[in-house]
Amino acid sequence: MARREKNGRVSSRMLAIANALDGMSRADAARSAGMDRQTLRDWVV
């Protein structure tokens, strides 16, 4: 789904959330998406 998304920011969010839900640490998932860990935590919660 993230690959088909035209908006890069939305795609990045989707990948970061998917990585966190798949067991990657939030810090690593956020880093891989180029964002802050706190921002990712807010989206997951």
PDB file of N, CA and C in Angstrom:
ATOM      1  N   MET A   1       0.819  -1.183   0.000  1.00  0.00           N
ATOM      2  CA  MET A   1       0.000   0.000   0.000  1.00  0.00           C
ATOM      3  C   MET A   1       0.873   1.261   0.000  1.00  0.00           C
ATOM      4  N   ALA A   2       1.950   1.227   0.786  1.00  0.00           N
ATOM      5  CA  ALA A   2       2.821   2.407   0.858  1.00  0.00           C
ATOM      6  C   ALA A   2       3.497   2.676  -0.481  1.00  0.00           C
ATOM      7  N   ARG A   3       3.782   1.629  -1.226  1.00  0.00           N
ATOM      8  CA  ARG A   3       4.425   1.803  -2.529  1.00  0.00           C
ATOM      9  C   ARG A   3       3.501   2.485  -3.529  1.00  0.00           C
ATOM     10  N   ARG A   4       2.210   2.250  -3.414  1.00  0.00           N
ATOM     11  CA  ARG A   4       1.244   2.838  -4.345  1.00  0.00           C
ATOM     12  C   ARG A   4       0.854   4.262  -3.970  1.00  0.00           C
ATOM     13  N   GLU A   5       1.166   4.654  -2.741  1.00  0.00           N
ATOM     14  CA  GLU A   5       0.813   5.989  -2.257  1.00  0.00           C
ATOM     15  C   GLU A   5       1.616   7.049  -3.007  1.00  0.00           C
ATOM     16  N   LYS A   6       0.942   8.057  -3.513  1.00  0.00           N
ATOM     17  CA  LYS A   6       1.605   9.106  -4.281  1.00  0.00           C
ATOM     18  C   LYS A   6       2.261  10.159  -3.385  1.00  0.00           C
ATOM     19  N   ASN A   7       1.722  10.361  -2.210  1.00  0.00           N
ATOM     20  CA  ASN A   7       2.260  11.342  -1.276  1.00  0.00           C
ATOM     21  C   ASN A   7       3.415  10.701  -0.506  1.00  0.00           C
ATOM     22  N   GLY A   8       4.615  11.222  -0.664  1.00  0.00           N
ATOM     23  CA  GLY A   8       5.797  10.657  -0.022  1.00  0.00           C
ATOM     24  C   GLY A   8       5.740  10.678   1.492  1.00  0.00           C
ATOM     25  N   ARG A   9       5.171  11.729   2.051  1.00  0.00           N
ATOM     26  CA  ARG A   9       5.082  11.820   3.514  1.00  0.00           C
ATOM     27  C   ARG A   9       4.155  10.753   4.082  1.00  0.00           C
ATOM     28  N   VAL A  10       3.047  10.515   3.408  1.00  0.00           N
ATOM     29  CA  VAL A  10       2.099   9.492   3.850  1.00  0.00           C
ATOM     30  C   VAL A  10       2.742   8.114   3.728  1.00  0.00           C
ATOM     31  N   SER A  11       3.432   7.892   2.631  1.00  0.00           N
ATOM     32  CA  SER A  11       4.115   6.622   2.414  1.00  0.00           C
ATOM     33  C   SER A  11       5.149   6.370   3.505  1.00  0.00           C
ATOM     34  N   SER A  12       5.898   7.384   3.859  1.00  0.00           N
ATOM     35  CA  SER A  12       6.905   7.275   4.909  1.00  0.00           C
ATOM     36  C   SER A  12       6.271   6.935   6.250  1.00  0.00           C
ATOM     37  N   ARG A  13       5.164   7.572   6.555  1.00  0.00           N
ATOM     38  CA  ARG A  13       4.450   7.282   7.801  1.00  0.00           C
ATOM     39  C   ARG A  13       3.969   5.842   7.834  1.00  0.00           C
ATOM     40  N   MET A  14       3.408   5.399   6.725  1.00  0.00           N
ATOM     41  CA  MET A  14       2.880   4.036   6.658  1.00  0.00           C
ATOM     42  C   MET A  14       3.995   3.011   6.868  1.00  0.00           C
ATOM     43  N   LEU A  15       5.133   3.218   6.239  1.00  0.00           N
ATOM     44  CA  LEU A  15       6.245   2.290   6.390  1.00  0.00           C
ATOM     45  C   LEU A  15       6.787   2.288   7.823  1.00  0.00           C
ATOM     46  N   ALA A  16       6.907   3.463   8.422  1.00  0.00           N
ATOM     47  CA  ALA A  16       7.412   3.552   9.791  1.00  0.00           C
ATOM     48  C   ALA A  16       6.474   2.850  10.764  1.00  0.00           C
ATOM     49  N   ILE A  17       5.182   3.068  10.613  1.00  0.00           N
ATOM     50  CA  ILE A  17       4.206   2.419  11.498  1.00  0.00           C
ATOM     51  C   ILE A  17       4.219   0.910  11.284  1.00  0.00           C
ATOM     52  N   ALA A  18       4.279   0.476  10.027  1.00  0.00           N
ATOM     53  CA  ALA A  18       4.318  -0.958   9.737  1.00  0.00           C
ATOM     54  C   ALA A  18       5.565  -1.598  10.345  1.00  0.00           C
ATOM     55  N   ASN A  19       6.709  -0.940  10.234  1.00  0.00           N
ATOM     56  CA  ASN A  19       7.935  -1.479  10.825  1.00  0.00           C
ATOM     57  C   ASN A  19       7.819  -1.585  12.335  1.00  0.00           C
ATOM     58  N   ALA A  20       7.247  -0.579  12.976  1.00  0.00           N
ATOM     59  CA  ALA A  20       7.087  -0.609  14.432  1.00  0.00           C
ATOM     60  C   ALA A  20       6.133  -1.721  14.846  1.00  0.00           C
ATOM     61  N   LEU A  21       5.059  -1.894  14.105  1.00  0.00           N
ATOM     62  CA  LEU A  21       4.095  -2.935  14.451  1.00  0.00           C
ATOM     63  C   LEU A  21       4.637  -4.332  14.166  1.00  0.00           C
ATOM     64  N   ASP A  22       5.599  -4.438  13.256  1.00  0.00           N
ATOM     65  CA  ASP A  22       6.211  -5.724  12.940  1.00  0.00           C
ATOM     66  C   ASP A  22       7.332  -6.098  13.904  1.00  0.00           C
ATOM     67  N   GLY A  23       7.599  -5.244  14.894  1.00  0.00           N
ATOM     68  CA  GLY A  23       8.568  -5.599  15.915  1.00  0.00           C
ATOM     69  C   GLY A  23       9.854  -4.791  15.907  1.00  0.00           C
ATOM     70  N   MET A  24      10.060  -3.943  14.920  1.00  0.00           N
ATOM     71  CA  MET A  24      11.245  -3.091  14.903  1.00  0.00           C
ATOM     72  C   MET A  24      11.092  -2.071  16.021  1.00  0.00           C
ATOM     73  N   SER A  25      12.191  -1.738  16.663  1.00  0.00           N
ATOM     74  CA  SER A  25      12.092  -0.729  17.725  1.00  0.00           C
ATOM     75  C   SER A  25      11.587   0.576  17.124  1.00  0.00           C
ATOM     76  N   ARG A  26      10.908   1.348  17.942  1.00  0.00           N
ATOM     77  CA  ARG A  26      10.377   2.613  17.439  1.00  0.00           C
ATOM     78  C   ARG A  26      11.492   3.543  17.007  1.00  0.00           C
ATOM     79  N   ALA A  27      12.605   3.512  17.725  1.00  0.00           N
ATOM     80  CA  ALA A  27      13.733   4.367  17.356  1.00  0.00           C
ATOM     81  C   ALA A  27      14.273   3.980  15.985  1.00  0.00           C
ATOM     82  N   ASP A  28      14.436   2.677  15.737  1.00  0.00           N
ATOM     83  CA  ASP A  28      14.940   2.228  14.434  1.00  0.00           C
ATOM     84  C   ASP A  28      13.940   2.493  13.319  1.00  0.00           C
ATOM     85  N   ALA A  29      12.670   2.250  13.590  1.00  0.00           N
ATOM     86  CA  ALA A  29      11.636   2.488  12.580  1.00  0.00           C
ATOM     87  C   ALA A  29      11.570   3.970  12.233  1.00  0.00           C
ATOM     88  N   ALA A  30      11.663   4.825  13.229  1.00  0.00           N
ATOM     89  CA  ALA A  30      11.630   6.275  12.984  1.00  0.00           C
ATOM     90  C   ALA A  30      12.867   6.710  12.216  1.00  0.00           C
ATOM     91  N   ARG A  31      14.013   6.195  12.605  1.00  0.00           N
ATOM     92  CA  ARG A  31      15.257   6.558  11.930  1.00  0.00           C
ATOM     93  C   ARG A  31      15.224   6.141  10.463  1.00  0.00           C
ATOM     94  N   SER A  32      14.693   4.959  10.189  1.00  0.00           N
ATOM     95  CA  SER A  32      14.640   4.477   8.807  1.00  0.00           C
ATOM     96  C   SER A  32      13.701   5.323   7.943  1.00  0.00           C
ATOM     97  N   ALA A  33      12.719   5.965   8.575  1.00  0.00           N
ATOM     98  CA  ALA A  33      11.780   6.813   7.844  1.00  0.00           C
ATOM     99  C   ALA A  33      12.183   8.285   7.881  1.00  0.00           C
ATOM    100  N   GLY A  34      13.290   8.590   8.566  1.00  0.00           N
ATOM    101  CA  GLY A  34      13.773   9.961   8.616  1.00  0.00           C
ATOM    102  C   GLY A  34      12.947  10.875   9.497  1.00  0.00           C
ATOM    103  N   MET A  35      12.500  10.342  10.615  1.00  0.00           N
ATOM    104  CA  MET A  35      11.686  11.154  11.518  1.00  0.00           C
ATOM    105  C   MET A  35      12.112  10.941  12.961  1.00  0.00           C
ATOM    106  N   ASP A  36      11.524  11.684  13.847  1.00  0.00           N
ATOM    107  CA  ASP A  36      11.802  11.598  15.273  1.00  0.00           C
ATOM    108  C   ASP A  36      11.016  10.446  15.895  1.00  0.00           C
ATOM    109  N   ARG A  37      11.618   9.802  16.884  1.00  0.00           N
ATOM    110  CA  ARG A  37      10.965   8.683  17.563  1.00  0.00           C
ATOM    111  C   ARG A  37       9.664   9.113  18.222  1.00  0.00           C
ATOM    112  N   GLN A  38       9.635  10.293  18.790  1.00  0.00           N
ATOM    113  CA  GLN A  38       8.433  10.787  19.459  1.00  0.00           C
ATOM    114  C   GLN A  38       7.278  10.952  18.476  1.00  0.00           C
ATOM    115  N   THR A  39       7.574  11.432  17.286  1.00  0.00           N
ATOM    116  CA  THR A  39       6.544  11.595  16.259  1.00  0.00           C
ATOM    117  C   THR A  39       5.952  10.250  15.899  1.00  0.00           C
ATOM    118  N   LEU A  40       6.800   9.256  15.711  1.00  0.00           N
ATOM    119  CA  LEU A  40       6.318   7.919  15.391  1.00  0.00           C
ATOM    120  C   LEU A  40       5.483   7.363  16.548  1.00  0.00           C
ATOM    121  N   ARG A  41       5.917   7.574  17.767  1.00  0.00           N
ATOM    122  CA  ARG A  41       5.159   7.094  18.923  1.00  0.00           C
ATOM    123  C   ARG A  41       3.757   7.697  18.943  1.00  0.00           C
ATOM    124  N   ASP A  42       3.658   8.971  18.631  1.00  0.00           N
ATOM    125  CA  ASP A  42       2.356   9.640  18.617  1.00  0.00           C
ATOM    126  C   ASP A  42       1.440   9.008  17.567  1.00  0.00           C
ATOM    127  N   TRP A  43       1.989   8.654  16.398  1.00  0.00           N
ATOM    128  CA  TRP A  43       1.183   8.041  15.346  1.00  0.00           C
ATOM    129  C   TRP A  43       0.747   6.631  15.704  1.00  0.00           C
ATOM    130  N   VAL A  44       1.638   5.876  16.354  1.00  0.00           N
ATOM    131  CA  VAL A  44       1.306   4.490  16.716  1.00  0.00           C
ATOM    132  C   VAL A  44       0.231   4.476  17.790  1.00  0.00           C
ATOM    133  N   VAL A  45       0.355   5.369  18.761  1.00  0.00           N
ATOM    134  CA  VAL A  45      -0.615   5.441  19.842  1.00  0.00           C
ATOM    135  C   VAL A  45      -1.914   5.956  19.275  1.00  0.00           C
TER     136      VAL A  45
END
